[in-house]
Protein backbone atom coordinates (compact mmCIF):
# COMPACT_ATOMS: atom_id res chain seq x y z
CA UNK A 1 118.80 105.69 107.55
CA UNK A 2 119.52 109.39 107.79
CA UNK A 3 119.72 111.78 104.84
CA UNK A 4 122.12 114.51 105.91
CA UNK A 5 122.67 116.51 102.70
CA UNK A 6 120.81 117.07 99.45
CA UNK A 7 121.65 118.82 96.19
CA UNK A 8 119.32 119.02 93.18
CA UNK A 9 119.98 120.42 89.71
CA UNK A 10 117.34 120.86 87.00
CA UNK A 11 114.70 118.68 88.62
CA UNK A 12 111.06 119.67 88.23
CA UNK A 13 110.63 123.34 89.16
CA UNK A 14 114.04 123.43 90.88
CA UNK A 15 117.00 124.68 88.87
CA UNK A 16 119.50 124.67 91.74
CA UNK A 17 118.87 123.67 95.33
CA UNK A 18 121.14 122.54 98.14
CA UNK A 19 120.56 122.02 101.84
CA UNK A 20 121.79 120.09 104.87
CA UNK A 21 119.42 118.30 107.24
CA UNK A 22 120.03 118.69 110.95
CA UNK A 23 116.81 117.09 112.16
CA UNK A 24 114.92 113.84 111.79
CA UNK A 25 111.76 115.90 111.10
CA UNK A 26 111.80 118.20 108.07
CA UNK A 27 109.01 120.40 106.69
CA UNK A 28 109.24 121.54 103.06
CA UNK A 29 107.05 124.45 102.02
CA UNK A 30 106.55 126.04 98.62
CA UNK A 31 106.19 124.97 95.02
CA UNK A 32 109.23 122.68 94.93
CA UNK A 33 108.37 120.70 98.06
CA UNK A 34 106.87 117.65 96.35
CA UNK A 35 109.68 117.49 93.78
CA UNK A 36 112.22 117.55 96.60
CA UNK A 37 110.50 114.69 98.42
CA UNK A 38 110.34 112.73 95.16
CA UNK A 39 114.09 113.20 94.64
CA UNK A 40 114.84 112.00 98.16
CA UNK A 41 112.74 108.88 97.61
CA UNK A 42 114.68 108.09 94.44
CA UNK A 43 118.04 108.58 96.16
CA UNK A 44 116.90 106.36 99.04
CA UNK A 45 116.47 103.49 96.58
CA UNK A 46 112.75 103.72 95.84
CA UNK A 47 111.38 101.22 93.33
CA UNK A 48 108.73 103.81 92.42
CA UNK A 49 110.57 106.10 90.01
CA UNK A 50 109.73 109.82 89.82
CA UNK A 51 106.98 110.90 87.45
CA UNK A 52 109.31 113.65 86.26
CA UNK A 53 111.42 112.51 83.32
CA UNK A 54 115.14 113.25 83.72
CA UNK A 55 116.52 116.12 81.71
CA UNK A 56 119.98 116.04 80.14
CA UNK A 57 121.24 118.31 82.93
CA UNK A 58 119.33 116.67 85.79
CA UNK A 59 121.57 115.78 88.74
CA UNK A 60 120.49 114.54 92.16
CA UNK A 61 122.94 114.08 95.03
CA UNK A 62 122.62 113.10 98.68
CA UNK A 63 124.76 112.00 101.60
CA UNK A 64 123.02 109.12 103.33
CA UNK A 65 123.98 107.18 106.44
CA UNK A 66 122.99 103.51 106.68
CA UNK A 67 125.53 100.85 107.57
CA UNK A 68 128.09 103.48 106.48
CA UNK A 69 128.08 106.95 104.94
CA UNK A 70 127.35 107.00 101.21
CA UNK A 71 127.47 109.60 98.46
CA UNK A 72 124.44 108.78 96.32
CA UNK A 73 123.84 110.30 92.89
CA UNK A 74 121.18 109.97 90.20
CA UNK A 75 121.34 111.27 86.64
CA UNK A 76 119.83 110.67 83.22
CA UNK A 77 120.66 107.45 81.42
CA UNK A 78 118.64 107.47 78.21
CA UNK A 79 115.01 107.83 79.30
CA UNK A 80 115.55 106.54 82.82
CA UNK A 81 117.32 107.39 86.04
CA UNK A 82 120.65 105.80 86.84
CA UNK A 83 121.61 105.56 90.52
CA UNK A 84 125.22 105.37 91.69
CA UNK A 85 126.66 105.16 95.20
CA UNK A 86 130.19 105.65 96.54
CA UNK A 87 131.68 105.20 99.96
CA UNK A 88 131.89 108.73 101.40
CA UNK A 89 135.33 108.24 102.95
CA UNK A 90 137.15 106.04 100.41
CA UNK A 91 135.36 107.00 97.20
CA UNK A 92 134.98 103.33 96.27
CA UNK A 93 132.01 102.52 94.03
CA UNK A 94 129.52 100.44 96.03
CA UNK A 95 126.17 100.92 94.33
CA UNK A 96 124.98 97.35 94.81
CA UNK A 97 126.06 97.30 98.46
CA UNK A 98 124.06 100.48 99.03
CA UNK A 99 120.96 99.13 97.28
CA UNK A 100 121.22 95.92 99.29
CA UNK A 101 121.49 97.87 102.53
CA UNK A 102 118.34 99.95 101.86
CA UNK A 103 116.25 97.19 100.24
CA UNK A 104 112.66 96.76 101.37
CA UNK A 105 109.61 95.09 99.88
CA UNK A 106 107.10 97.01 97.78
CA UNK A 107 104.37 96.79 100.43
CA UNK A 108 106.57 98.29 103.14
CA UNK A 109 107.54 101.14 100.84
CA UNK A 110 103.94 101.76 99.77
CA UNK A 111 102.83 102.35 103.36
CA UNK A 112 105.77 104.68 104.03
CA UNK A 113 104.15 107.50 102.04
CA UNK A 114 101.03 109.41 103.07
CA UNK A 115 99.16 111.51 100.53
CA UNK A 116 95.51 112.20 101.33
CA UNK A 117 94.64 112.92 97.70
CA UNK A 118 95.88 109.48 96.69
CA UNK A 119 93.17 107.85 98.82
CA UNK A 120 95.27 104.79 99.58
CA UNK A 121 93.06 102.38 101.51
CA UNK A 122 95.02 102.49 104.75
CA UNK A 123 91.95 101.61 106.89
CA UNK A 124 91.55 98.18 105.25
CA UNK A 125 95.13 97.31 104.37
CA UNK A 126 95.50 94.77 107.17
CA UNK A 127 92.26 93.06 106.02
CA UNK A 128 94.15 92.08 102.89
CA UNK A 129 97.09 90.81 104.96
CA UNK A 130 94.71 88.48 106.78
CA UNK A 131 92.99 87.16 103.63
CA UNK A 132 96.11 86.90 101.47
CA UNK A 133 97.22 83.37 102.33
CA UNK A 134 93.69 81.96 102.40
CA UNK A 135 92.92 83.46 98.97
CA UNK A 136 96.39 82.62 97.61
CA UNK A 137 96.94 86.28 96.74
CA UNK A 138 100.01 86.02 94.50
CA UNK A 139 100.24 89.78 94.08
CA UNK A 140 100.53 90.20 97.86
CA UNK A 141 103.11 87.43 97.96
CA UNK A 142 105.13 89.31 95.36
CA UNK A 143 104.73 92.73 97.02
CA UNK A 144 106.06 91.34 100.31
CA UNK A 145 108.94 89.48 98.61
CA UNK A 146 107.51 86.21 99.93
CA UNK A 147 107.42 87.33 103.57
CA UNK A 148 103.63 87.69 103.67
CA UNK A 149 103.07 83.92 103.58
CA UNK A 150 105.71 82.97 106.15
CA UNK A 151 104.87 81.62 109.61
CA UNK A 152 106.75 84.55 111.15
CA UNK A 153 104.57 87.10 109.35
CA UNK A 154 101.28 85.30 110.10
CA UNK A 155 102.22 84.94 113.76
CA UNK A 156 103.27 88.60 114.04
CA UNK A 157 100.04 89.68 112.33
CA UNK A 158 97.88 87.77 114.80
CA UNK A 159 99.77 89.20 117.79
CA UNK A 160 99.53 92.73 116.37
CA UNK A 161 95.75 92.54 116.03
CA UNK A 162 95.27 90.84 119.41
CA UNK A 163 97.31 93.43 121.32
CA UNK A 164 96.21 96.59 119.47
CA UNK A 165 95.01 99.25 121.92
CA UNK A 166 92.46 101.92 120.87
CA UNK A 167 94.05 105.31 120.19
CA UNK A 168 92.58 108.76 120.65
CA UNK A 169 91.68 110.26 117.28
CA UNK A 170 91.30 113.88 118.38
CA UNK A 171 91.87 115.40 121.81
CA UNK A 172 88.64 117.44 121.69
CA UNK A 173 86.42 114.35 121.27
CA UNK A 174 86.35 110.85 122.81
CA UNK A 175 86.55 109.08 119.40
CA UNK A 176 89.17 106.35 119.24
CA UNK A 177 90.82 104.36 116.49
CA UNK A 178 90.28 100.63 116.96
CA UNK A 179 91.37 97.55 115.00
CA UNK A 180 88.70 94.91 114.38
CA UNK A 181 89.45 91.15 114.33
CA UNK A 182 89.02 91.30 110.54
CA UNK A 183 91.84 93.85 110.28
CA UNK A 184 89.80 97.00 109.65
CA UNK A 185 90.72 100.27 111.38
CA UNK A 186 87.47 101.80 112.63
CA UNK A 187 86.46 104.81 114.72
CA UNK A 188 84.56 104.03 117.91
CA UNK A 189 83.11 105.90 120.86
CA UNK A 190 84.04 104.13 124.14
CA UNK A 191 80.50 104.57 125.51
CA UNK A 192 78.62 103.53 122.33
CA UNK A 193 81.08 101.20 120.54
CA UNK A 194 78.64 99.88 117.90
CA UNK A 195 77.60 103.30 116.55
CA UNK A 196 78.72 104.49 113.09
CA UNK A 197 80.10 108.03 113.13
CA UNK A 198 80.23 110.57 110.33
CA UNK A 199 83.59 112.29 110.56
CA UNK A 200 84.33 115.91 109.72
CA UNK A 201 86.97 116.67 107.08
CA UNK A 202 89.56 117.27 109.80
CA UNK A 203 88.64 114.05 111.61
CA UNK A 204 88.72 112.08 108.38
CA UNK A 205 92.23 113.30 107.59
CA UNK A 206 93.39 112.45 111.11
CA UNK A 207 91.73 109.03 110.79
CA UNK A 208 93.60 108.20 107.58
CA UNK A 209 96.82 109.59 109.02
CA UNK A 210 96.57 107.51 112.18
CA UNK A 211 95.93 104.40 110.07
CA UNK A 212 99.09 105.29 108.11
CA UNK A 213 101.15 105.68 111.29
CA UNK A 214 100.00 102.30 112.55
CA UNK A 215 100.81 100.57 109.26
CA UNK A 216 104.27 102.12 109.27
CA UNK A 217 104.66 100.88 112.83
CA UNK A 218 103.42 97.42 111.83
CA UNK A 219 106.20 97.05 109.25
CA UNK A 220 108.81 98.60 111.51
CA UNK A 221 107.95 95.99 114.12
CA UNK A 222 107.93 93.07 111.72
CA UNK A 223 111.21 93.97 110.03
CA UNK A 224 112.87 94.47 113.42
CA UNK A 225 111.95 90.91 114.32
CA UNK A 226 112.97 89.48 110.95
CA UNK A 227 116.23 91.42 110.54
CA UNK A 228 117.86 93.37 113.37
CA UNK A 229 119.94 95.24 110.78
CA UNK A 230 117.02 96.24 108.55
CA UNK A 231 117.36 99.87 107.42
CA UNK A 232 114.24 101.94 108.05
CA UNK A 233 113.67 104.34 105.17
CA UNK A 234 112.21 107.82 105.74
CA UNK A 235 108.49 108.49 105.91
CA UNK A 236 106.93 110.98 103.49
CA UNK A 237 103.80 112.98 104.33
CA UNK A 238 101.77 115.36 102.15
CA UNK A 239 98.21 116.75 101.88
CA UNK A 240 97.76 116.92 105.62
CA UNK A 241 99.07 119.61 107.91
CA UNK A 242 98.29 122.61 105.70
CA UNK A 243 94.63 121.49 105.62
CA UNK A 244 94.15 121.16 109.38
CA UNK A 245 92.70 124.05 111.43
CA UNK A 246 95.30 125.99 113.38
CA UNK A 247 93.86 124.87 116.74
CA UNK A 248 94.13 121.15 115.91
CA UNK A 249 96.05 119.37 118.66
CA UNK A 250 98.41 116.89 117.01
CA UNK A 251 100.69 116.33 119.98
CA UNK A 252 99.79 112.65 120.15
CA UNK A 253 100.50 112.19 116.43
CA UNK A 254 103.98 113.69 116.80
CA UNK A 255 104.70 111.42 119.75
CA UNK A 256 103.55 108.44 117.67
CA UNK A 257 105.84 109.51 114.82
CA UNK A 258 108.77 109.80 117.19
CA UNK A 259 108.34 106.22 118.43
CA UNK A 260 108.86 104.97 114.86
CA UNK A 261 112.43 106.34 114.97
CA UNK A 262 112.47 107.24 111.28
CA UNK A 263 113.39 110.41 109.45
CA UNK A 264 110.26 112.23 108.30
CA UNK A 265 109.84 114.57 105.32
CA UNK A 266 106.64 116.62 105.21
CA UNK A 267 105.39 118.56 102.17
CA UNK A 268 103.11 121.57 102.45
CA UNK A 269 103.33 123.10 98.96
CA UNK A 270 100.34 125.43 98.99
CA UNK A 271 100.74 127.70 101.99
CA UNK A 272 102.76 125.88 104.59
CA UNK A 273 101.19 124.90 107.88
CA UNK A 274 99.64 127.20 110.46
CA UNK A 275 99.85 124.42 113.04
CA UNK A 276 102.26 124.62 115.90
CA UNK A 277 105.14 122.39 114.86
CA UNK A 278 107.21 120.41 117.38
CA UNK A 279 110.44 121.74 118.79
CA UNK A 280 113.36 120.63 116.64
CA UNK A 281 111.53 120.44 113.34
CA UNK A 282 113.54 121.92 110.48
CA UNK A 283 111.56 124.08 108.05
CA UNK A 284 112.86 124.65 104.52
CA UNK A 285 111.15 127.02 102.09
CA UNK A 286 111.47 126.16 98.39
């Protein structure tokens, strides 16, 4: 999936906004950054509707490429949002075809959004995947649209844990992210692997973010096996880069993001990021 154009009218703090995206990595800065990301999620078919109630004049529009190019719109319908999609070239209404093409389970969508303030338990998410079938976790079954109890998922999960390689947490220290047999992401030191470490604020943010990247990669890998034509929705990141010291080396994190081959939207509403951003990232001030 690639969102190539966006237009918002009377949505949150934004009265009128329009832009085209020329990159797979986009940084939004300013007060309207989170509202913009929320609008994109809605237009991409999110099951988690925006917290902002639609106004009578609210209009959201995007051009989105999946199996074909769509014009996707959202507007007020009573107290809810109504989504409509048309074929970009023919104008034919194809809302259901669009929703079918971008469909994903609730669990996959939940781990496609990183917000440090939300304190989503990324480090122990895979623990639940392991226990789900044994504990007959019906909520997990529902959130994975039944896939979580299939032989294919259980087999993929075991292989993922068995082949996981420790990853460097921060270039200035030897700490590494590891995955335990129980499914917990932990931080280890290669020379003293059984020691518990107290992470700094920066290290804790990087720890949670690296867990997030690995979970996104987990679902990308599983869906690729299950459905070669599965559409990978964008990733959304907030509460991260503007809080990291300017000298933080995040080269490895960018490389990890690139391997996921998904469009990425980053929000830095407070002051933007002082970090050195990768070549090719598009920055949009709101």
